[in-house]
Amino acid sequence: MDEQTRIEVEAAAFRDLLAHLGERTDVQNIDLMNLAGFCRNCLAKWYRAEAERRGVAMDYEQARERVYGMPYAEWKDRYQLEANAEQKARFESSASGHADTRGAR
């Protein structure tokens, strides 16, 4: 696969991931973190970091809106549930496996 095709395939896969997460509003970020070590907010941080690496000014809220498909505050009001004690405990115990979202590669 040539480089341009690889970039296009990866971009399409990212768009598909965002569309899937947009349809699965029942899946809470804490559940994603506990299972996979990353969540929608992590994706937004990676997205912002890459935009800035390419000279595109973008703040975290703009990146979140791209990932969530709406302003984060709106998504949170519509879909986010309070994490229960078990979810919080698992989050804390799995912290060492959480994604590095500092934007460094």
PDB file of N, CA and C in Angstrom:
ATOM      1  N   MET A   1       0.860  -1.175   0.000  1.00  0.00           N
ATOM      2  CA  MET A   1       0.000   0.000   0.000  1.00  0.00           C
ATOM      3  C   MET A   1       0.905   1.236   0.000  1.00  0.00           C
ATOM      4  N   ASP A   2       0.606   2.173  -0.891  1.00  0.00           N
ATOM      5  CA  ASP A   2       1.412   3.390  -0.912  1.00  0.00           C
ATOM      6  C   ASP A   2       1.018   4.312   0.250  1.00  0.00           C
ATOM      7  N   GLU A   3       1.858   5.288   0.527  1.00  0.00           N
ATOM      8  CA  GLU A   3       1.682   6.164   1.685  1.00  0.00           C
ATOM      9  C   GLU A   3       0.361   6.935   1.653  1.00  0.00           C
ATOM     10  N   GLN A   4      -0.006   7.493   0.516  1.00  0.00           N
ATOM     11  CA  GLN A   4      -1.252   8.263   0.426  1.00  0.00           C
ATOM     12  C   GLN A   4      -2.466   7.370   0.678  1.00  0.00           C
ATOM     13  N   THR A   5      -2.461   6.196   0.112  1.00  0.00           N
ATOM     14  CA  THR A   5      -3.574   5.269   0.340  1.00  0.00           C
ATOM     15  C   THR A   5      -3.648   4.884   1.812  1.00  0.00           C
ATOM     16  N   ARG A   6      -2.498   4.624   2.435  1.00  0.00           N
ATOM     17  CA  ARG A   6      -2.477   4.288   3.859  1.00  0.00           C
ATOM     18  C   ARG A   6      -3.084   5.410   4.689  1.00  0.00           C
ATOM     19  N   ILE A   7      -2.719   6.650   4.388  1.00  0.00           N
ATOM     20  CA  ILE A   7      -3.263   7.808   5.115  1.00  0.00           C
ATOM     21  C   ILE A   7      -4.773   7.885   4.936  1.00  0.00           C
ATOM     22  N   GLU A   8      -5.252   7.678   3.726  1.00  0.00           N
ATOM     23  CA  GLU A   8      -6.682   7.734   3.449  1.00  0.00           C
ATOM     24  C   GLU A   8      -7.432   6.608   4.153  1.00  0.00           C
ATOM     25  N   VAL A   9      -6.852   5.427   4.168  1.00  0.00           N
ATOM     26  CA  VAL A   9      -7.474   4.292   4.855  1.00  0.00           C
ATOM     27  C   VAL A   9      -7.542   4.565   6.357  1.00  0.00           C
ATOM     28  N   GLU A  10      -6.447   5.046   6.930  1.00  0.00           N
ATOM     29  CA  GLU A  10      -6.438   5.347   8.362  1.00  0.00           C
ATOM     30  C   GLU A  10      -7.438   6.449   8.703  1.00  0.00           C
ATOM     31  N   ALA A  11      -7.525   7.465   7.867  1.00  0.00           N
ATOM     32  CA  ALA A  11      -8.490   8.550   8.113  1.00  0.00           C
ATOM     33  C   ALA A  11      -9.923   8.028   8.040  1.00  0.00           C
ATOM     34  N   ALA A  12     -10.194   7.170   7.092  1.00  0.00           N
ATOM     35  CA  ALA A  12     -11.536   6.600   6.971  1.00  0.00           C
ATOM     36  C   ALA A  12     -11.863   5.719   8.174  1.00  0.00           C
ATOM     37  N   ALA A  13     -10.888   4.955   8.635  1.00  0.00           N
ATOM     38  CA  ALA A  13     -11.108   4.118   9.817  1.00  0.00           C
ATOM     39  C   ALA A  13     -11.380   4.987  11.044  1.00  0.00           C
ATOM     40  N   PHE A  14     -10.683   6.106  11.175  1.00  0.00           N
ATOM     41  CA  PHE A  14     -10.921   7.029  12.287  1.00  0.00           C
ATOM     42  C   PHE A  14     -12.333   7.602  12.207  1.00  0.00           C
ATOM     43  N   ARG A  15     -12.756   7.996  11.009  1.00  0.00           N
ATOM     44  CA  ARG A  15     -14.120   8.512  10.851  1.00  0.00           C
ATOM     45  C   ARG A  15     -15.149   7.446  11.214  1.00  0.00           C
ATOM     46  N   ASP A  16     -14.888   6.211  10.823  1.00  0.00           N
ATOM     47  CA  ASP A  16     -15.795   5.114  11.177  1.00  0.00           C
ATOM     48  C   ASP A  16     -15.830   4.897  12.685  1.00  0.00           C
ATOM     49  N   LEU A  17     -14.681   4.992  13.345  1.00  0.00           N
ATOM     50  CA  LEU A  17     -14.638   4.871  14.801  1.00  0.00           C
ATOM     51  C   LEU A  17     -15.464   5.965  15.455  1.00  0.00           C
ATOM     52  N   LEU A  18     -15.309   7.206  14.996  1.00  0.00           N
ATOM     53  CA  LEU A  18     -16.093   8.308  15.558  1.00  0.00           C
ATOM     54  C   LEU A  18     -17.584   8.103  15.319  1.00  0.00           C
ATOM     55  N   ALA A  19     -17.946   7.628  14.134  1.00  0.00           N
ATOM     56  CA  ALA A  19     -19.363   7.372  13.844  1.00  0.00           C
ATOM     57  C   ALA A  19     -19.901   6.274  14.758  1.00  0.00           C
ATOM     58  N   HIS A  20     -19.124   5.237  14.964  1.00  0.00           N
ATOM     59  CA  HIS A  20     -19.551   4.144  15.842  1.00  0.00           C
ATOM     60  C   HIS A  20     -19.730   4.642  17.272  1.00  0.00           C
ATOM     61  N   LEU A  21     -18.756   5.395  17.770  1.00  0.00           N
ATOM     62  CA  LEU A  21     -18.882   5.942  19.121  1.00  0.00           C
ATOM     63  C   LEU A  21     -20.062   6.912  19.214  1.00  0.00           C
ATOM     64  N   GLY A  22     -20.332   7.625  18.129  1.00  0.00           N
ATOM     65  CA  GLY A  22     -21.477   8.525  18.108  1.00  0.00           C
ATOM     66  C   GLY A  22     -22.804   7.786  18.211  1.00  0.00           C
ATOM     67  N   GLU A  23     -22.838   6.587  17.679  1.00  0.00           N
ATOM     68  CA  GLU A  23     -24.046   5.755  17.770  1.00  0.00           C
ATOM     69  C   GLU A  23     -24.151   5.040  19.109  1.00  0.00           C
ATOM     70  N   ARG A  24     -23.017   4.844  19.776  1.00  0.00           N
ATOM     71  CA  ARG A  24     -22.990   4.095  21.032  1.00  0.00           C
ATOM     72  C   ARG A  24     -22.862   5.040  22.231  1.00  0.00           C
ATOM     73  N   THR A  25     -23.816   5.947  22.315  1.00  0.00           N
ATOM     74  CA  THR A  25     -23.817   6.889  23.439  1.00  0.00           C
ATOM     75  C   THR A  25     -24.082   6.185  24.763  1.00  0.00           C
ATOM     76  N   ASP A  26     -24.525   4.935  24.708  1.00  0.00           N
ATOM     77  CA  ASP A  26     -24.716   4.155  25.927  1.00  0.00           C
ATOM     78  C   ASP A  26     -23.387   3.712  26.537  1.00  0.00           C
ATOM     79  N   VAL A  27     -22.337   3.721  25.749  1.00  0.00           N
ATOM     80  CA  VAL A  27     -21.016   3.318  26.238  1.00  0.00           C
ATOM     81  C   VAL A  27     -20.369   4.532  26.901  1.00  0.00           C
ATOM     82  N   GLN A  28     -20.162   4.414  28.185  1.00  0.00           N
ATOM     83  CA  GLN A  28     -19.606   5.509  28.967  1.00  0.00           C
ATOM     84  C   GLN A  28     -18.082   5.552  28.814  1.00  0.00           C
ATOM     85  N   ASN A  29     -17.529   6.759  28.917  1.00  0.00           N
ATOM     86  CA  ASN A  29     -16.082   6.913  28.809  1.00  0.00           C
ATOM     87  C   ASN A  29     -15.344   6.089  29.856  1.00  0.00           C
ATOM     88  N   ILE A  30     -15.859   6.044  31.063  1.00  0.00           N
ATOM     89  CA  ILE A  30     -15.167   5.284  32.102  1.00  0.00           C
ATOM     90  C   ILE A  30     -15.117   3.800  31.746  1.00  0.00           C
ATOM     91  N   ASP A  31     -16.151   3.298  31.080  1.00  0.00           N
ATOM     92  CA  ASP A  31     -16.133   1.904  30.647  1.00  0.00           C
ATOM     93  C   ASP A  31     -15.078   1.684  29.562  1.00  0.00           C
ATOM     94  N   LEU A  32     -14.968   2.633  28.641  1.00  0.00           N
ATOM     95  CA  LEU A  32     -13.918   2.545  27.624  1.00  0.00           C
ATOM     96  C   LEU A  32     -12.537   2.561  28.274  1.00  0.00           C
ATOM     97  N   MET A  33     -12.344   3.463  29.235  1.00  0.00           N
ATOM     98  CA  MET A  33     -11.051   3.549  29.929  1.00  0.00           C
ATOM     99  C   MET A  33     -10.749   2.248  30.660  1.00  0.00           C
ATOM    100  N   ASN A  34     -11.744   1.718  31.346  1.00  0.00           N
ATOM    101  CA  ASN A  34     -11.521   0.503  32.116  1.00  0.00           C
ATOM    102  C   ASN A  34     -11.247  -0.700  31.231  1.00  0.00           C
ATOM    103  N   LEU A  35     -11.838  -0.735  30.071  1.00  0.00           N
ATOM    104  CA  LEU A  35     -11.660  -1.865  29.171  1.00  0.00           C
ATOM    105  C   LEU A  35     -10.434  -1.711  28.271  1.00  0.00           C
ATOM    106  N   ALA A  36     -10.288  -0.532  27.672  1.00  0.00           N
ATOM    107  CA  ALA A  36      -9.270  -0.352  26.638  1.00  0.00           C
ATOM    108  C   ALA A  36      -8.168   0.642  26.993  1.00  0.00           C
ATOM    109  N   GLY A  37      -8.348   1.395  28.075  1.00  0.00           N
ATOM    110  CA  GLY A  37      -7.315   2.341  28.471  1.00  0.00           C
ATOM    111  C   GLY A  37      -7.365   3.666  27.739  1.00  0.00           C
ATOM    112  N   PHE A  38      -8.411   3.896  26.946  1.00  0.00           N
ATOM    113  CA  PHE A  38      -8.605   5.188  26.287  1.00  0.00           C
ATOM    114  C   PHE A  38     -10.098   5.442  26.155  1.00  0.00           C
ATOM    115  N   CYS A  39     -10.451   6.717  25.924  1.00  0.00           N
ATOM    116  CA  CYS A  39     -11.860   7.076  25.766  1.00  0.00           C
ATOM    117  C   CYS A  39     -11.987   8.189  24.726  1.00  0.00           C
ATOM    118  N   ARG A  40     -13.163   8.724  24.616  1.00  0.00           N
ATOM    119  CA  ARG A  40     -13.414   9.802  23.667  1.00  0.00           C
ATOM    120  C   ARG A  40     -12.518  11.014  23.958  1.00  0.00           C
ATOM    121  N   ASN A  41     -12.319  11.317  25.242  1.00  0.00           N
ATOM    122  CA  ASN A  41     -11.464  12.456  25.590  1.00  0.00           C
ATOM    123  C   ASN A  41     -10.024  12.221  25.157  1.00  0.00           C
ATOM    124  N   CYS A  42      -9.555  10.999  25.270  1.00  0.00           N
ATOM    125  CA  CYS A  42      -8.209  10.665  24.798  1.00  0.00           C
ATOM    126  C   CYS A  42      -8.106  10.912  23.294  1.00  0.00           C
ATOM    127  N   LEU A  43      -9.114  10.455  22.546  1.00  0.00           N
ATOM    128  CA  LEU A  43      -9.117  10.689  21.100  1.00  0.00           C
ATOM    129  C   LEU A  43      -9.049  12.180  20.795  1.00  0.00           C
ATOM    130  N   ALA A  44      -9.804  12.979  21.543  1.00  0.00           N
ATOM    131  CA  ALA A  44      -9.791  14.426  21.327  1.00  0.00           C
ATOM    132  C   ALA A  44      -8.412  15.008  21.616  1.00  0.00           C
ATOM    133  N   LYS A  45      -7.759  14.534  22.651  1.00  0.00           N
ATOM    134  CA  LYS A  45      -6.411  15.026  22.975  1.00  0.00           C
ATOM    135  C   LYS A  45      -5.420  14.645  21.892  1.00  0.00           C
ATOM    136  N   TRP A  46      -5.502  13.431  21.370  1.00  0.00           N
ATOM    137  CA  TRP A  46      -4.621  13.017  20.278  1.00  0.00           C
ATOM    138  C   TRP A  46      -4.904  13.831  19.023  1.00  0.00           C
ATOM    139  N   TYR A  47      -6.177  14.067  18.753  1.00  0.00           N
ATOM    140  CA  TYR A  47      -6.590  14.833  17.576  1.00  0.00           C
ATOM    141  C   TYR A  47      -6.018  16.253  17.651  1.00  0.00           C
ATOM    142  N   ARG A  48      -6.200  16.888  18.813  1.00  0.00           N
ATOM    143  CA  ARG A  48      -5.671  18.239  19.011  1.00  0.00           C
ATOM    144  C   ARG A  48      -4.156  18.267  18.872  1.00  0.00           C
ATOM    145  N   ALA A  49      -3.471  17.334  19.477  1.00  0.00           N
ATOM    146  CA  ALA A  49      -2.010  17.303  19.410  1.00  0.00           C
ATOM    147  C   ALA A  49      -1.527  17.179  17.971  1.00  0.00           C
ATOM    148  N   GLU A  50      -2.187  16.337  17.204  1.00  0.00           N
ATOM    149  CA  GLU A  50      -1.775  16.165  15.804  1.00  0.00           C
ATOM    150  C   GLU A  50      -2.073  17.411  14.990  1.00  0.00           C
ATOM    151  N   ALA A  51      -3.215  18.038  15.234  1.00  0.00           N
ATOM    152  CA  ALA A  51      -3.530  19.288  14.531  1.00  0.00           C
ATOM    153  C   ALA A  51      -2.466  20.336  14.830  1.00  0.00           C
ATOM    154  N   GLU A  52      -2.100  20.464  16.086  1.00  0.00           N
ATOM    155  CA  GLU A  52      -1.100  21.466  16.465  1.00  0.00           C
ATOM    156  C   GLU A  52       0.271  21.142  15.884  1.00  0.00           C
ATOM    157  N   ARG A  53       0.612  19.844  15.799  1.00  0.00           N
ATOM    158  CA  ARG A  53       1.878  19.455  15.168  1.00  0.00           C
ATOM    159  C   ARG A  53       1.921  19.913  13.714  1.00  0.00           C
ATOM    160  N   ARG A  54       0.739  20.013  13.112  1.00  0.00           N
ATOM    161  CA  ARG A  54       0.659  20.419  11.711  1.00  0.00           C
ATOM    162  C   ARG A  54       0.374  21.910  11.546  1.00  0.00           C
ATOM    163  N   GLY A  55       0.482  22.661  12.644  1.00  0.00           N
ATOM    164  CA  GLY A  55       0.318  24.107  12.584  1.00  0.00           C
ATOM    165  C   GLY A  55      -1.116  24.587  12.612  1.00  0.00           C
ATOM    166  N   VAL A  56      -2.049  23.720  12.971  1.00  0.00           N
ATOM    167  CA  VAL A  56      -3.458  24.091  13.047  1.00  0.00           C
ATOM    168  C   VAL A  56      -3.792  24.397  14.502  1.00  0.00           C
ATOM    169  N   ALA A  57      -4.173  25.645  14.769  1.00  0.00           N
ATOM    170  CA  ALA A  57      -4.547  26.031  16.129  1.00  0.00           C
ATOM    171  C   ALA A  57      -5.897  25.397  16.469  1.00  0.00           C
ATOM    172  N   MET A  58      -5.929  24.696  17.586  1.00  0.00           N
ATOM    173  CA  MET A  58      -7.160  24.038  17.999  1.00  0.00           C
ATOM    174  C   MET A  58      -7.127  23.899  19.504  1.00  0.00           C
ATOM    175  N   ASP A  59      -8.226  24.274  20.142  1.00  0.00           N
ATOM    176  CA  ASP A  59      -8.260  24.062  21.587  1.00  0.00           C
ATOM    177  C   ASP A  59      -8.944  22.731  21.881  1.00  0.00           C
ATOM    178  N   TYR A  60      -8.842  22.323  23.129  1.00  0.00           N
ATOM    179  CA  TYR A  60      -9.365  21.025  23.553  1.00  0.00           C
ATOM    180  C   TYR A  60     -10.864  20.916  23.301  1.00  0.00           C
ATOM    181  N   GLU A  61     -11.605  21.981  23.547  1.00  0.00           N
ATOM    182  CA  GLU A  61     -13.058  21.924  23.333  1.00  0.00           C
ATOM    183  C   GLU A  61     -13.399  21.748  21.858  1.00  0.00           C
ATOM    184  N   GLN A  62     -12.638  22.359  20.968  1.00  0.00           N
ATOM    185  CA  GLN A  62     -12.867  22.167  19.535  1.00  0.00           C
ATOM    186  C   GLN A  62     -12.602  20.708  19.148  1.00  0.00           C
ATOM    187  N   ALA A  63     -11.541  20.153  19.695  1.00  0.00           N
ATOM    188  CA  ALA A  63     -11.225  18.749  19.402  1.00  0.00           C
ATOM    189  C   ALA A  63     -12.304  17.830  19.959  1.00  0.00           C
ATOM    190  N   ARG A  64     -12.771  18.125  21.173  1.00  0.00           N
ATOM    191  CA  ARG A  64     -13.839  17.312  21.756  1.00  0.00           C
ATOM    192  C   ARG A  64     -15.102  17.370  20.906  1.00  0.00           C
ATOM    193  N   GLU A  65     -15.426  18.545  20.394  1.00  0.00           N
ATOM    194  CA  GLU A  65     -16.624  18.664  19.564  1.00  0.00           C
ATOM    195  C   GLU A  65     -16.500  17.791  18.315  1.00  0.00           C
ATOM    196  N   ARG A  66     -15.303  17.703  17.755  1.00  0.00           N
ATOM    197  CA  ARG A  66     -15.094  16.843  16.583  1.00  0.00           C
ATOM    198  C   ARG A  66     -15.319  15.373  16.956  1.00  0.00           C
ATOM    199  N   VAL A  67     -14.812  14.973  18.107  1.00  0.00           N
ATOM    200  CA  VAL A  67     -14.926  13.577  18.528  1.00  0.00           C
ATOM    201  C   VAL A  67     -16.343  13.242  18.978  1.00  0.00           C
ATOM    202  N   TYR A  68     -16.954  14.117  19.757  1.00  0.00           N
ATOM    203  CA  TYR A  68     -18.288  13.844  20.303  1.00  0.00           C
ATOM    204  C   TYR A  68     -19.416  14.149  19.318  1.00  0.00           C
ATOM    205  N   GLY A  69     -19.122  14.940  18.284  1.00  0.00           N
ATOM    206  CA  GLY A  69     -20.154  15.298  17.316  1.00  0.00           C
ATOM    207  C   GLY A  69     -21.064  16.415  17.797  1.00  0.00           C
ATOM    208  N   MET A  70     -20.714  17.018  18.912  1.00  0.00           N
ATOM    209  CA  MET A  70     -21.468  18.124  19.519  1.00  0.00           C
ATOM    210  C   MET A  70     -20.597  18.684  20.633  1.00  0.00           C
ATOM    211  N   PRO A  71     -20.940  19.855  21.139  1.00  0.00           N
ATOM    212  CA  PRO A  71     -20.164  20.355  22.286  1.00  0.00           C
ATOM    213  C   PRO A  71     -20.185  19.342  23.424  1.00  0.00           C
ATOM    214  N   TYR A  72     -19.044  19.192  24.092  1.00  0.00           N
ATOM    215  CA  TYR A  72     -18.932  18.201  25.152  1.00  0.00           C
ATOM    216  C   TYR A  72     -19.979  18.406  26.243  1.00  0.00           C
ATOM    217  N   ALA A  73     -20.215  19.644  26.631  1.00  0.00           N
ATOM    218  CA  ALA A  73     -21.197  19.906  27.689  1.00  0.00           C
ATOM    219  C   ALA A  73     -22.572  19.362  27.308  1.00  0.00           C
ATOM    220  N   GLU A  74     -22.931  19.490  26.044  1.00  0.00           N
ATOM    221  CA  GLU A  74     -24.218  18.964  25.571  1.00  0.00           C
ATOM    222  C   GLU A  74     -24.231  17.435  25.631  1.00  0.00           C
ATOM    223  N   TRP A  75     -23.152  16.806  25.160  1.00  0.00           N
ATOM    224  CA  TRP A  75     -23.072  15.351  25.201  1.00  0.00           C
ATOM    225  C   TRP A  75     -23.165  14.866  26.643  1.00  0.00           C
ATOM    226  N   LYS A  76     -22.432  15.532  27.519  1.00  0.00           N
ATOM    227  CA  LYS A  76     -22.422  15.146  28.931  1.00  0.00           C
ATOM    228  C   LYS A  76     -23.821  15.233  29.534  1.00  0.00           C
ATOM    229  N   ASP A  77     -24.528  16.320  29.247  1.00  0.00           N
ATOM    230  CA  ASP A  77     -25.894  16.477  29.756  1.00  0.00           C
ATOM    231  C   ASP A  77     -26.837  15.399  29.211  1.00  0.00           C
ATOM    232  N   ARG A  78     -26.656  15.044  27.954  1.00  0.00           N
ATOM    233  CA  ARG A  78     -27.555  14.066  27.323  1.00  0.00           C
ATOM    234  C   ARG A  78     -27.256  12.621  27.707  1.00  0.00           C
ATOM    235  N   TYR A  79     -25.973  12.272  27.782  1.00  0.00           N
ATOM    236  CA  TYR A  79     -25.617  10.859  27.810  1.00  0.00           C
ATOM    237  C   TYR A  79     -24.772  10.382  28.993  1.00  0.00           C
ATOM    238  N   GLN A  80     -24.027  11.277  29.614  1.00  0.00           N
ATOM    239  CA  GLN A  80     -23.104  10.800  30.648  1.00  0.00           C
ATOM    240  C   GLN A  80     -23.825  10.493  31.950  1.00  0.00           C
ATOM    241  N   LEU A  81     -23.534   9.319  32.471  1.00  0.00           N
ATOM    242  CA  LEU A  81     -24.090   8.891  33.746  1.00  0.00           C
ATOM    243  C   LEU A  81     -23.021   9.016  34.822  1.00  0.00           C
ATOM    244  N   GLU A  82     -23.445   9.096  36.057  1.00  0.00           N
ATOM    245  CA  GLU A  82     -22.508   9.107  37.176  1.00  0.00           C
ATOM    246  C   GLU A  82     -21.855   7.734  37.284  1.00  0.00           C
ATOM    247  N   ALA A  83     -20.539   7.716  37.374  1.00  0.00           N
ATOM    248  CA  ALA A  83     -19.835   6.445  37.534  1.00  0.00           C
ATOM    249  C   ALA A  83     -20.138   5.862  38.904  1.00  0.00           C
ATOM    250  N   ASN A  84     -20.310   4.548  38.935  1.00  0.00           N
ATOM    251  CA  ASN A  84     -20.557   3.897  40.219  1.00  0.00           C
ATOM    252  C   ASN A  84     -19.228   3.570  40.909  1.00  0.00           C
ATOM    253  N   ALA A  85     -19.309   3.116  42.146  1.00  0.00           N
ATOM    254  CA  ALA A  85     -18.110   2.847  42.941  1.00  0.00           C
ATOM    255  C   ALA A  85     -17.219   1.789  42.287  1.00  0.00           C
ATOM    256  N   GLU A  86     -17.831   0.761  41.719  1.00  0.00           N
ATOM    257  CA  GLU A  86     -17.049  -0.293  41.064  1.00  0.00           C
ATOM    258  C   GLU A  86     -16.291   0.253  39.853  1.00  0.00           C
ATOM    259  N   GLN A  87     -16.954   1.074  39.044  1.00  0.00           N
ATOM    260  CA  GLN A  87     -16.296   1.667  37.876  1.00  0.00           C
ATOM    261  C   GLN A  87     -15.133   2.553  38.314  1.00  0.00           C
ATOM    262  N   LYS A  88     -15.357   3.359  39.335  1.00  0.00           N
ATOM    263  CA  LYS A  88     -14.301   4.251  39.830  1.00  0.00           C
ATOM    264  C   LYS A  88     -13.112   3.468  40.370  1.00  0.00           C
ATOM    265  N   ALA A  89     -13.385   2.408  41.113  1.00  0.00           N
ATOM    266  CA  ALA A  89     -12.308   1.586  41.665  1.00  0.00           C
ATOM    267  C   ALA A  89     -11.505   0.923  40.549  1.00  0.00           C
ATOM    268  N   ARG A  90     -12.203   0.414  39.549  1.00  0.00           N
ATOM    269  CA  ARG A  90     -11.507  -0.218  38.425  1.00  0.00           C
ATOM    270  C   ARG A  90     -10.673   0.804  37.666  1.00  0.00           C
ATOM    271  N   PHE A  91     -11.205   2.008  37.513  1.00  0.00           N
ATOM    272  CA  PHE A  91     -10.478   3.090  36.848  1.00  0.00           C
ATOM    273  C   PHE A  91      -9.166   3.354  37.586  1.00  0.00           C
ATOM    274  N   GLU A  92      -9.234   3.482  38.875  1.00  0.00           N
ATOM    275  CA  GLU A  92      -8.035   3.754  39.674  1.00  0.00           C
ATOM    276  C   GLU A  92      -7.038   2.601  39.595  1.00  0.00           C
ATOM    277  N   SER A  93      -7.533   1.382  39.661  1.00  0.00           N
ATOM    278  CA  SER A  93      -6.623   0.232  39.656  1.00  0.00           C
ATOM    279  C   SER A  93      -6.014  -0.031  38.278  1.00  0.00           C
ATOM    280  N   SER A  94      -6.612   0.506  37.228  1.00  0.00           N
ATOM    281  CA  SER A  94      -6.099   0.278  35.875  1.00  0.00           C
ATOM    282  C   SER A  94      -5.322   1.470  35.333  1.00  0.00           C
ATOM    283  N   ALA A  95      -5.058   2.460  36.165  1.00  0.00           N
ATOM    284  CA  ALA A  95      -4.434   3.714  35.715  1.00  0.00           C
ATOM    285  C   ALA A  95      -3.112   3.506  34.990  1.00  0.00           C
ATOM    286  N   SER A  96      -2.348   2.520  35.386  1.00  0.00           N
ATOM    287  CA  SER A  96      -1.051   2.307  34.732  1.00  0.00           C
ATOM    288  C   SER A  96      -1.201   1.910  33.262  1.00  0.00           C
ATOM    289  N   GLY A  97      -2.357   1.419  32.877  1.00  0.00           N
ATOM    290  CA  GLY A  97      -2.588   1.030  31.493  1.00  0.00           C
ATOM    291  C   GLY A  97      -3.333   2.060  30.669  1.00  0.00           C
ATOM    292  N   HIS A  98      -3.575   3.234  31.250  1.00  0.00           N
ATOM    293  CA  HIS A  98      -4.296   4.276  30.519  1.00  0.00           C
ATOM    294  C   HIS A  98      -3.396   4.915  29.469  1.00  0.00           C
ATOM    295  N   ALA A  99      -4.024   5.373  28.413  1.00  0.00           N
ATOM    296  CA  ALA A  99      -3.305   5.955  27.282  1.00  0.00           C
ATOM    297  C   ALA A  99      -2.513   7.193  27.666  1.00  0.00           C
ATOM    298  N   ASP A 100      -1.399   7.382  26.979  1.00  0.00           N
ATOM    299  CA  ASP A 100      -0.613   8.608  27.103  1.00  0.00           C
ATOM    300  C   ASP A 100      -1.227   9.629  26.152  1.00  0.00           C
ATOM    301  N   THR A 101      -1.818  10.668  26.700  1.00  0.00           N
ATOM    302  CA  THR A 101      -2.510  11.663  25.870  1.00  0.00           C
ATOM    303  C   THR A 101      -1.751  12.983  25.816  1.00  0.00           C
ATOM    304  N   ARG A 102      -0.480  12.948  26.123  1.00  0.00           N
ATOM    305  CA  ARG A 102       0.312  14.184  26.106  1.00  0.00           C
ATOM    306  C   ARG A 102       0.677  14.623  24.694  1.00  0.00           C
ATOM    307  N   GLY A 103       0.362  13.799  23.717  1.00  0.00           N
ATOM    308  CA  GLY A 103       0.609  14.190  22.328  1.00  0.00           C
ATOM    309  C   GLY A 103       1.977  13.838  21.820  1.00  0.00           C
ATOM    310  N   ALA A 104       2.776  13.195  22.635  1.00  0.00           N
ATOM    311  CA  ALA A 104       4.110  12.797  22.198  1.00  0.00           C
ATOM    312  C   ALA A 104       4.042  11.436  21.510  1.00  0.00           C
ATOM    313  N   ARG A 105       4.881  11.253  20.530  1.00  0.00           N
ATOM    314  CA  ARG A 105       4.937   9.941  19.870  1.00  0.00           C
ATOM    315  C   ARG A 105       6.270   9.327  20.104  1.00  0.00           C
TER     316      ARG A 105
END
